[in-house]
């Protein structure tokens, strides 16, 4: 009944939002007794970024882009796993969010299921990718995100770099 949204609204800037029916929102000040505030609440730069992000999402049909790009990613990774059976890793994707776990073909469902050996294997993969011009988060415990800026060429470059490990 209550939705919360974080940095995605501001394209990575510090912004958040709460959405709910009026019967819940009316409990927040100034109408209600629940005080809500933050250091950056209503920050004009973050709000401008939020507005620009929402306009871009509507203009460029983000969801169709992510669906098409995600399908290309899934197919490319499946092909890569067939080509590099000697390289154990799992891949999981839900819409724009994706996650790799290196060192095992079992897909962990939570961070505590990530094998400690996977974290060590990820370190080598991370540095190889970085030298190949591909940047992922530096931790085996973080997820990645597809965006409007990504293209099929980016996915292909990523897969080629993994293939050349």
N, C-alpha and C. Protein backbone atom coordinates (compact mmCIF):
# COMPACT_ATOMS: atom_id res chain seq x y z
N UNK A 1 0.80 -1.20 0.00
CA UNK A 1 0.00 0.00 0.00
C UNK A 1 0.85 1.27 0.00
N UNK A 2 2.13 1.11 0.31
CA UNK A 2 3.03 2.26 0.32
C UNK A 2 4.24 1.91 -0.54
N UNK A 3 4.56 2.80 -1.49
CA UNK A 3 5.74 2.59 -2.33
C UNK A 3 6.82 3.60 -1.97
N UNK A 4 8.05 3.12 -1.95
CA UNK A 4 9.17 4.02 -1.71
C UNK A 4 10.12 3.91 -2.89
N UNK A 5 10.69 5.03 -3.26
CA UNK A 5 11.59 5.10 -4.41
C UNK A 5 12.85 5.86 -4.01
N UNK A 6 13.99 5.38 -4.50
CA UNK A 6 15.25 5.99 -4.12
C UNK A 6 15.93 6.66 -5.28
N UNK A 7 17.25 6.52 -5.35
CA UNK A 7 18.09 7.27 -6.28
C UNK A 7 17.68 7.18 -7.74
N UNK A 8 16.98 6.13 -8.14
CA UNK A 8 16.60 5.99 -9.54
C UNK A 8 15.80 7.21 -10.02
N UNK A 9 15.04 7.80 -9.14
CA UNK A 9 14.23 8.97 -9.52
C UNK A 9 15.09 10.15 -9.95
N UNK A 10 16.27 10.28 -9.39
CA UNK A 10 17.12 11.42 -9.69
C UNK A 10 18.30 11.06 -10.56
N UNK A 11 18.23 9.91 -11.23
CA UNK A 11 19.34 9.50 -12.06
C UNK A 11 20.63 9.32 -11.25
N UNK A 12 20.49 8.92 -9.99
CA UNK A 12 21.64 8.70 -9.12
C UNK A 12 21.86 9.81 -8.10
N UNK A 13 21.15 10.91 -8.23
CA UNK A 13 21.28 12.00 -7.26
C UNK A 13 20.50 11.63 -5.99
N UNK A 14 20.82 12.28 -4.86
CA UNK A 14 20.14 11.95 -3.60
C UNK A 14 18.70 12.45 -3.60
N UNK A 15 17.80 11.54 -3.91
CA UNK A 15 16.38 11.88 -3.98
C UNK A 15 15.58 10.64 -3.58
N UNK A 16 14.46 10.85 -3.00
CA UNK A 16 13.58 9.75 -2.63
C UNK A 16 12.14 10.23 -2.68
N UNK A 17 11.23 9.29 -2.73
CA UNK A 17 9.81 9.64 -2.76
C UNK A 17 9.01 8.54 -2.09
N UNK A 18 7.88 8.93 -1.56
CA UNK A 18 6.92 8.00 -0.97
C UNK A 18 5.62 8.18 -1.73
N UNK A 19 4.98 7.09 -2.06
CA UNK A 19 3.68 7.17 -2.75
C UNK A 19 2.71 6.25 -2.02
N UNK A 20 1.52 6.76 -1.76
CA UNK A 20 0.48 5.98 -1.10
C UNK A 20 -0.85 6.69 -1.25
N UNK A 21 -1.90 6.01 -0.84
CA UNK A 21 -3.22 6.61 -0.84
C UNK A 21 -3.24 7.78 0.15
N UNK A 22 -4.11 8.72 -0.10
CA UNK A 22 -4.22 9.91 0.75
C UNK A 22 -4.47 9.54 2.21
N UNK A 23 -5.19 8.46 2.45
CA UNK A 23 -5.48 8.07 3.85
C UNK A 23 -4.20 7.77 4.64
N UNK A 24 -3.14 7.37 3.93
CA UNK A 24 -1.86 7.14 4.60
C UNK A 24 -1.00 8.40 4.58
N UNK A 25 -0.95 9.05 3.44
CA UNK A 25 -0.10 10.23 3.29
C UNK A 25 -0.57 11.38 4.19
N UNK A 26 -1.84 11.43 4.49
CA UNK A 26 -2.37 12.50 5.34
C UNK A 26 -1.85 12.42 6.78
N UNK A 27 -1.16 11.32 7.11
CA UNK A 27 -0.56 11.22 8.45
C UNK A 27 0.77 11.98 8.52
N UNK A 28 1.34 12.31 7.35
CA UNK A 28 2.60 13.05 7.32
C UNK A 28 2.34 14.55 7.49
N UNK A 29 3.26 15.23 8.16
CA UNK A 29 3.17 16.68 8.31
C UNK A 29 3.25 17.31 6.92
N UNK A 30 2.60 18.40 6.65
CA UNK A 30 1.97 19.27 7.63
C UNK A 30 0.53 18.88 7.97
N UNK A 31 -0.08 17.94 7.24
CA UNK A 31 -1.46 17.55 7.55
C UNK A 31 -1.58 16.69 8.80
N UNK A 32 -0.61 15.80 8.98
CA UNK A 32 -0.68 14.86 10.10
C UNK A 32 0.41 15.08 11.12
N UNK A 33 0.49 14.14 12.06
CA UNK A 33 1.42 14.30 13.18
C UNK A 33 2.78 13.64 12.96
N UNK A 34 2.98 12.95 11.83
CA UNK A 34 4.26 12.28 11.58
C UNK A 34 5.18 13.24 10.83
N UNK A 35 6.26 13.61 11.49
CA UNK A 35 7.21 14.54 10.90
C UNK A 35 8.19 13.77 10.02
N UNK A 36 8.40 14.23 8.80
CA UNK A 36 9.34 13.61 7.88
C UNK A 36 10.19 14.72 7.30
N UNK A 37 11.51 14.55 7.41
CA UNK A 37 12.42 15.53 6.84
C UNK A 37 13.77 14.86 6.59
N UNK A 38 14.63 15.54 5.90
CA UNK A 38 15.97 15.04 5.65
C UNK A 38 16.88 16.17 5.25
N UNK A 39 18.17 15.93 5.35
CA UNK A 39 19.16 16.96 5.04
C UNK A 39 18.96 17.52 3.64
N UNK A 40 18.64 16.65 2.69
CA UNK A 40 18.51 17.09 1.30
C UNK A 40 17.06 17.17 0.83
N UNK A 41 16.11 17.16 1.73
CA UNK A 41 14.70 17.22 1.34
C UNK A 41 14.42 18.46 0.51
N UNK A 42 13.89 18.23 -0.68
CA UNK A 42 13.54 19.35 -1.56
C UNK A 42 14.73 20.05 -2.18
N UNK A 43 15.92 19.46 -2.12
CA UNK A 43 17.11 20.09 -2.69
C UNK A 43 16.85 20.43 -4.16
N UNK A 44 17.02 21.69 -4.55
CA UNK A 44 16.67 22.11 -5.91
C UNK A 44 17.45 21.37 -7.01
N UNK A 45 18.72 21.07 -6.77
CA UNK A 45 19.50 20.36 -7.79
C UNK A 45 18.98 18.94 -7.95
N UNK A 46 18.75 18.26 -6.82
CA UNK A 46 18.23 16.89 -6.88
C UNK A 46 16.85 16.87 -7.53
N UNK A 47 16.02 17.85 -7.22
CA UNK A 47 14.67 17.90 -7.81
C UNK A 47 14.75 18.13 -9.32
N UNK A 48 15.67 18.99 -9.76
CA UNK A 48 15.85 19.23 -11.20
C UNK A 48 16.31 17.94 -11.88
N UNK A 49 17.21 17.21 -11.23
CA UNK A 49 17.67 15.93 -11.79
C UNK A 49 16.52 14.93 -11.84
N UNK A 50 15.70 14.92 -10.81
CA UNK A 50 14.54 14.02 -10.80
C UNK A 50 13.58 14.31 -11.93
N UNK A 51 13.29 15.58 -12.15
CA UNK A 51 12.40 15.97 -13.24
C UNK A 51 13.00 15.60 -14.59
N UNK A 52 14.29 15.86 -14.77
CA UNK A 52 14.96 15.52 -16.04
C UNK A 52 14.95 14.01 -16.26
N UNK A 53 15.18 13.23 -15.21
CA UNK A 53 15.18 11.77 -15.33
C UNK A 53 13.81 11.27 -15.75
N UNK A 54 12.76 11.75 -15.10
CA UNK A 54 11.40 11.32 -15.45
C UNK A 54 11.06 11.69 -16.89
N UNK A 55 11.48 12.88 -17.34
CA UNK A 55 11.23 13.28 -18.73
C UNK A 55 11.94 12.35 -19.71
N UNK A 56 13.20 11.99 -19.40
CA UNK A 56 13.97 11.09 -20.28
C UNK A 56 13.32 9.70 -20.33
N UNK A 57 12.88 9.21 -19.19
CA UNK A 57 12.24 7.89 -19.14
C UNK A 57 11.00 7.85 -20.02
N UNK A 58 10.22 8.91 -20.02
CA UNK A 58 9.01 8.95 -20.83
C UNK A 58 9.35 9.14 -22.31
N UNK A 59 10.34 9.98 -22.59
CA UNK A 59 10.68 10.33 -23.97
C UNK A 59 11.33 9.16 -24.71
N UNK A 60 12.19 8.43 -24.08
CA UNK A 60 12.99 7.42 -24.77
C UNK A 60 12.47 5.99 -24.58
N UNK A 61 11.29 5.82 -24.04
CA UNK A 61 10.68 4.51 -23.88
C UNK A 61 11.63 3.53 -23.19
N UNK A 62 12.01 3.89 -22.00
CA UNK A 62 12.95 3.13 -21.18
C UNK A 62 12.59 1.64 -21.11
N UNK A 63 11.35 1.35 -20.88
CA UNK A 63 10.95 -0.04 -20.64
C UNK A 63 11.13 -0.93 -21.87
N UNK A 64 10.82 -0.41 -23.05
CA UNK A 64 11.05 -1.17 -24.27
C UNK A 64 12.55 -1.37 -24.49
N UNK A 65 13.32 -0.33 -24.26
CA UNK A 65 14.77 -0.40 -24.40
C UNK A 65 15.35 -1.48 -23.47
N UNK A 66 14.94 -1.46 -22.21
CA UNK A 66 15.46 -2.42 -21.23
C UNK A 66 15.01 -3.84 -21.57
N UNK A 67 13.79 -3.99 -22.03
CA UNK A 67 13.30 -5.32 -22.41
C UNK A 67 14.15 -5.89 -23.56
N UNK A 68 14.35 -5.10 -24.60
CA UNK A 68 15.14 -5.54 -25.75
C UNK A 68 16.60 -5.79 -25.37
N UNK A 69 17.18 -4.86 -24.63
CA UNK A 69 18.57 -4.99 -24.22
C UNK A 69 18.75 -6.18 -23.28
N UNK A 70 17.80 -6.35 -22.37
CA UNK A 70 17.86 -7.47 -21.43
C UNK A 70 17.79 -8.82 -22.13
N UNK A 71 16.94 -8.92 -23.14
CA UNK A 71 16.85 -10.18 -23.90
C UNK A 71 18.16 -10.45 -24.63
N UNK A 72 18.77 -9.41 -25.17
CA UNK A 72 20.08 -9.57 -25.83
C UNK A 72 21.14 -10.00 -24.81
N UNK A 73 21.09 -9.41 -23.62
CA UNK A 73 22.02 -9.76 -22.55
C UNK A 73 21.85 -11.23 -22.16
N UNK A 74 20.61 -11.65 -21.94
CA UNK A 74 20.33 -13.04 -21.56
C UNK A 74 20.87 -14.03 -22.60
N UNK A 75 20.57 -13.75 -23.87
CA UNK A 75 21.01 -14.63 -24.96
C UNK A 75 22.53 -14.65 -25.06
N UNK A 76 23.14 -13.48 -24.96
CA UNK A 76 24.60 -13.38 -25.06
C UNK A 76 25.28 -14.12 -23.92
N UNK A 77 24.75 -14.00 -22.72
CA UNK A 77 25.34 -14.70 -21.57
C UNK A 77 25.15 -16.20 -21.70
N UNK A 78 23.98 -16.64 -22.14
CA UNK A 78 23.73 -18.08 -22.34
C UNK A 78 24.72 -18.65 -23.36
N UNK A 79 24.94 -17.92 -24.46
CA UNK A 79 25.92 -18.36 -25.47
C UNK A 79 27.33 -18.39 -24.89
N UNK A 80 27.66 -17.38 -24.11
CA UNK A 80 28.97 -17.32 -23.48
C UNK A 80 29.19 -18.49 -22.52
N UNK A 81 28.17 -18.82 -21.75
CA UNK A 81 28.29 -19.95 -20.82
C UNK A 81 28.50 -21.27 -21.55
N UNK A 82 27.91 -21.40 -22.74
CA UNK A 82 28.14 -22.61 -23.55
C UNK A 82 29.56 -22.64 -24.08
N UNK A 83 30.06 -21.48 -24.53
CA UNK A 83 31.42 -21.39 -25.08
C UNK A 83 32.49 -21.57 -24.01
N UNK A 84 32.23 -21.06 -22.82
CA UNK A 84 33.23 -21.08 -21.75
C UNK A 84 32.74 -21.94 -20.58
N UNK A 85 32.49 -23.21 -20.86
CA UNK A 85 32.03 -24.12 -19.80
C UNK A 85 33.07 -24.27 -18.70
N UNK A 86 34.33 -23.95 -19.02
CA UNK A 86 35.40 -24.03 -18.03
C UNK A 86 35.37 -22.87 -17.03
N UNK A 87 34.57 -21.86 -17.32
CA UNK A 87 34.49 -20.67 -16.48
C UNK A 87 33.18 -20.71 -15.70
N UNK A 88 33.24 -21.15 -14.45
CA UNK A 88 31.98 -21.26 -13.69
C UNK A 88 31.48 -19.89 -13.21
N UNK A 89 30.31 -19.54 -13.65
CA UNK A 89 29.65 -18.35 -13.12
C UNK A 89 28.15 -18.47 -13.35
N UNK A 90 27.42 -17.76 -12.53
CA UNK A 90 25.97 -17.71 -12.71
C UNK A 90 25.59 -16.28 -13.02
N UNK A 91 24.46 -16.14 -13.66
CA UNK A 91 23.96 -14.83 -14.09
C UNK A 91 22.47 -14.80 -13.79
N UNK A 92 22.05 -13.71 -13.21
CA UNK A 92 20.64 -13.54 -12.88
C UNK A 92 20.24 -12.12 -13.28
N UNK A 93 19.05 -11.98 -13.91
CA UNK A 93 18.60 -10.66 -14.32
C UNK A 93 17.10 -10.55 -14.10
N UNK A 94 16.69 -9.43 -13.55
CA UNK A 94 15.28 -9.07 -13.44
C UNK A 94 15.16 -7.65 -13.97
N UNK A 95 14.53 -7.52 -15.13
CA UNK A 95 14.38 -6.22 -15.78
C UNK A 95 15.75 -5.55 -15.94
N UNK A 96 15.97 -4.38 -15.35
CA UNK A 96 17.23 -3.68 -15.56
C UNK A 96 18.32 -4.11 -14.58
N UNK A 97 17.99 -4.87 -13.57
CA UNK A 97 18.94 -5.28 -12.54
C UNK A 97 19.57 -6.63 -12.91
N UNK A 98 20.90 -6.74 -12.79
CA UNK A 98 21.55 -8.02 -13.06
C UNK A 98 22.62 -8.29 -12.02
N UNK A 99 23.01 -9.58 -11.92
CA UNK A 99 23.95 -9.99 -10.90
C UNK A 99 24.76 -11.17 -11.41
N UNK A 100 26.06 -11.09 -11.29
CA UNK A 100 26.96 -12.18 -11.61
C UNK A 100 27.53 -12.76 -10.34
N UNK A 101 27.74 -14.05 -10.34
CA UNK A 101 28.46 -14.70 -9.26
C UNK A 101 29.49 -15.62 -9.91
N UNK A 102 30.76 -15.28 -9.75
CA UNK A 102 31.83 -16.05 -10.37
C UNK A 102 32.34 -17.10 -9.40
N UNK A 103 32.79 -18.23 -9.95
CA UNK A 103 33.33 -19.31 -9.14
C UNK A 103 32.34 -20.43 -8.89
N UNK A 104 31.09 -20.23 -9.30
CA UNK A 104 30.05 -21.24 -9.11
C UNK A 104 28.97 -21.06 -10.16
N UNK A 105 28.38 -22.16 -10.57
CA UNK A 105 27.27 -22.07 -11.53
C UNK A 105 25.93 -21.97 -10.82
N UNK A 106 25.95 -22.08 -9.49
CA UNK A 106 24.73 -21.94 -8.69
C UNK A 106 24.46 -20.45 -8.45
N UNK A 107 23.25 -20.02 -8.72
CA UNK A 107 22.90 -18.62 -8.54
C UNK A 107 22.47 -18.37 -7.09
N UNK A 108 23.23 -17.55 -6.37
CA UNK A 108 22.83 -17.22 -5.00
C UNK A 108 21.58 -16.33 -5.03
N UNK A 109 20.72 -16.53 -4.08
CA UNK A 109 19.49 -15.72 -4.01
C UNK A 109 19.64 -14.55 -3.05
N UNK A 110 20.59 -14.64 -2.13
CA UNK A 110 20.85 -13.56 -1.18
C UNK A 110 22.36 -13.39 -1.03
N UNK A 111 22.81 -12.22 -0.57
CA UNK A 111 24.26 -12.01 -0.43
C UNK A 111 24.95 -13.02 0.49
N UNK A 112 24.26 -13.50 1.52
CA UNK A 112 24.91 -14.45 2.42
C UNK A 112 25.08 -15.83 1.79
N UNK A 113 24.47 -16.07 0.64
CA UNK A 113 24.65 -17.33 -0.08
C UNK A 113 25.83 -17.28 -1.04
N UNK A 114 26.46 -16.12 -1.19
CA UNK A 114 27.61 -16.01 -2.08
C UNK A 114 28.80 -16.70 -1.41
N UNK A 115 29.34 -17.67 -2.09
CA UNK A 115 30.50 -18.40 -1.59
C UNK A 115 31.69 -17.45 -1.47
N UNK A 116 32.46 -17.57 -0.40
CA UNK A 116 33.62 -16.70 -0.21
C UNK A 116 34.62 -16.84 -1.35
N UNK A 117 34.68 -18.02 -1.98
CA UNK A 117 35.56 -18.21 -3.13
C UNK A 117 35.08 -17.39 -4.33
N UNK A 118 33.77 -17.15 -4.40
CA UNK A 118 33.23 -16.31 -5.48
C UNK A 118 33.75 -14.89 -5.38
N UNK A 119 33.81 -14.38 -4.16
CA UNK A 119 34.31 -13.02 -3.95
C UNK A 119 35.76 -12.92 -4.41
N UNK A 120 36.56 -13.94 -4.12
CA UNK A 120 37.96 -13.95 -4.55
C UNK A 120 38.05 -14.03 -6.07
N UNK A 121 37.22 -14.88 -6.69
CA UNK A 121 37.21 -15.02 -8.15
C UNK A 121 36.76 -13.72 -8.81
N UNK A 122 35.81 -13.04 -8.19
CA UNK A 122 35.29 -11.80 -8.74
C UNK A 122 36.38 -10.73 -8.83
N UNK A 123 37.27 -10.71 -7.85
CA UNK A 123 38.35 -9.72 -7.85
C UNK A 123 39.16 -9.80 -9.14
N UNK A 124 39.52 -11.01 -9.54
CA UNK A 124 40.28 -11.19 -10.79
C UNK A 124 39.46 -10.78 -12.01
N UNK A 125 38.19 -11.16 -12.01
CA UNK A 125 37.30 -10.80 -13.12
C UNK A 125 37.15 -9.28 -13.21
N UNK A 126 36.93 -8.64 -12.07
CA UNK A 126 36.77 -7.19 -12.04
C UNK A 126 37.96 -6.49 -12.68
N UNK A 127 39.19 -6.89 -12.29
CA UNK A 127 40.38 -6.24 -12.82
C UNK A 127 40.57 -6.54 -14.32
N UNK A 128 40.25 -7.75 -14.73
CA UNK A 128 40.32 -8.08 -16.16
C UNK A 128 39.34 -7.21 -16.95
N UNK A 129 38.12 -7.09 -16.46
CA UNK A 129 37.12 -6.27 -17.15
C UNK A 129 37.55 -4.82 -17.20
N UNK A 130 38.08 -4.31 -16.11
CA UNK A 130 38.52 -2.93 -16.06
C UNK A 130 39.60 -2.67 -17.11
N UNK A 131 40.54 -3.60 -17.25
CA UNK A 131 41.59 -3.46 -18.26
C UNK A 131 41.02 -3.58 -19.68
N UNK A 132 39.85 -4.21 -19.79
CA UNK A 132 39.19 -4.36 -21.10
C UNK A 132 38.23 -3.21 -21.40
N UNK A 133 38.18 -2.22 -20.50
CA UNK A 133 37.32 -1.06 -20.72
C UNK A 133 35.89 -1.25 -20.25
N UNK A 134 35.67 -2.24 -19.38
CA UNK A 134 34.32 -2.51 -18.85
C UNK A 134 34.36 -2.32 -17.34
N UNK A 135 33.47 -1.47 -16.83
CA UNK A 135 33.45 -1.20 -15.39
C UNK A 135 32.20 -1.81 -14.77
N UNK A 136 32.42 -2.66 -13.77
CA UNK A 136 31.35 -3.16 -12.91
C UNK A 136 31.66 -2.68 -11.50
N UNK A 137 30.70 -2.79 -10.62
CA UNK A 137 30.94 -2.45 -9.22
C UNK A 137 32.10 -3.31 -8.71
N UNK A 138 32.95 -2.78 -7.83
CA UNK A 138 34.14 -3.50 -7.40
C UNK A 138 33.90 -4.61 -6.37
N UNK A 139 32.66 -4.85 -6.01
CA UNK A 139 32.36 -5.87 -5.00
C UNK A 139 31.50 -6.99 -5.59
N UNK A 140 31.80 -8.22 -5.20
CA UNK A 140 31.02 -9.37 -5.65
C UNK A 140 29.62 -9.36 -5.06
N UNK A 141 29.37 -8.47 -4.12
CA UNK A 141 28.09 -8.43 -3.43
C UNK A 141 27.15 -7.35 -3.97
N UNK A 142 27.54 -6.70 -5.05
CA UNK A 142 26.72 -5.64 -5.62
C UNK A 142 26.08 -6.09 -6.93
N UNK A 143 24.97 -5.47 -7.27
CA UNK A 143 24.29 -5.76 -8.53
C UNK A 143 24.66 -4.70 -9.56
N UNK A 144 24.35 -4.97 -10.81
CA UNK A 144 24.54 -4.01 -11.88
C UNK A 144 23.18 -3.60 -12.44
N UNK A 145 23.17 -2.54 -13.21
CA UNK A 145 21.93 -2.02 -13.77
C UNK A 145 22.11 -1.67 -15.24
N UNK A 146 21.17 -2.09 -16.05
CA UNK A 146 21.10 -1.64 -17.44
C UNK A 146 20.44 -0.26 -17.44
N UNK A 147 20.82 0.57 -18.41
CA UNK A 147 20.26 1.92 -18.45
C UNK A 147 20.01 2.34 -19.89
N UNK A 148 19.46 3.53 -20.05
CA UNK A 148 19.24 4.09 -21.39
C UNK A 148 20.57 4.30 -22.12
N UNK A 149 21.64 4.48 -21.38
CA UNK A 149 22.94 4.72 -21.99
C UNK A 149 23.55 3.45 -22.58
N UNK A 150 23.13 2.28 -22.11
CA UNK A 150 23.71 1.02 -22.59
C UNK A 150 23.12 0.62 -23.94
N UNK A 151 23.98 -0.05 -24.73
CA UNK A 151 23.58 -0.54 -26.05
C UNK A 151 23.96 -2.01 -26.17
N UNK A 152 23.50 -2.62 -27.25
CA UNK A 152 23.89 -4.01 -27.53
C UNK A 152 25.40 -4.12 -27.75
N UNK A 153 25.99 -3.08 -28.27
CA UNK A 153 27.45 -3.05 -28.46
C UNK A 153 28.15 -3.16 -27.10
N UNK A 154 27.60 -2.49 -26.09
CA UNK A 154 28.18 -2.58 -24.74
C UNK A 154 28.08 -4.00 -24.20
N UNK A 155 26.95 -4.64 -24.40
CA UNK A 155 26.76 -6.02 -23.95
C UNK A 155 27.76 -6.93 -24.67
N UNK A 156 27.91 -6.74 -25.97
CA UNK A 156 28.84 -7.56 -26.74
C UNK A 156 30.29 -7.35 -26.27
N UNK A 157 30.64 -6.12 -25.96
CA UNK A 157 31.99 -5.82 -25.46
C UNK A 157 32.22 -6.52 -24.12
N UNK A 158 31.22 -6.48 -23.27
CA UNK A 158 31.31 -7.14 -21.97
C UNK A 158 31.51 -8.65 -22.15
N UNK A 159 30.69 -9.26 -22.99
CA UNK A 159 30.78 -10.70 -23.21
C UNK A 159 32.12 -11.10 -23.83
N UNK A 160 32.62 -10.28 -24.74
CA UNK A 160 33.93 -10.57 -25.35
C UNK A 160 35.02 -10.52 -24.27
N UNK A 161 34.94 -9.55 -23.37
CA UNK A 161 35.93 -9.45 -22.30
C UNK A 161 35.87 -10.67 -21.37
N UNK A 162 34.66 -11.13 -21.05
CA UNK A 162 34.52 -12.33 -20.21
C UNK A 162 35.06 -13.55 -20.96
N UNK A 163 34.72 -13.63 -22.22
CA UNK A 163 35.16 -14.77 -23.03
C UNK A 163 36.70 -14.86 -23.06
N UNK A 164 37.36 -13.71 -23.02
CA UNK A 164 38.83 -13.66 -23.09
C UNK A 164 39.51 -13.77 -21.73
N UNK A 165 38.78 -14.12 -20.71
CA UNK A 165 39.39 -14.29 -19.37
C UNK A 165 40.44 -15.37 -19.40
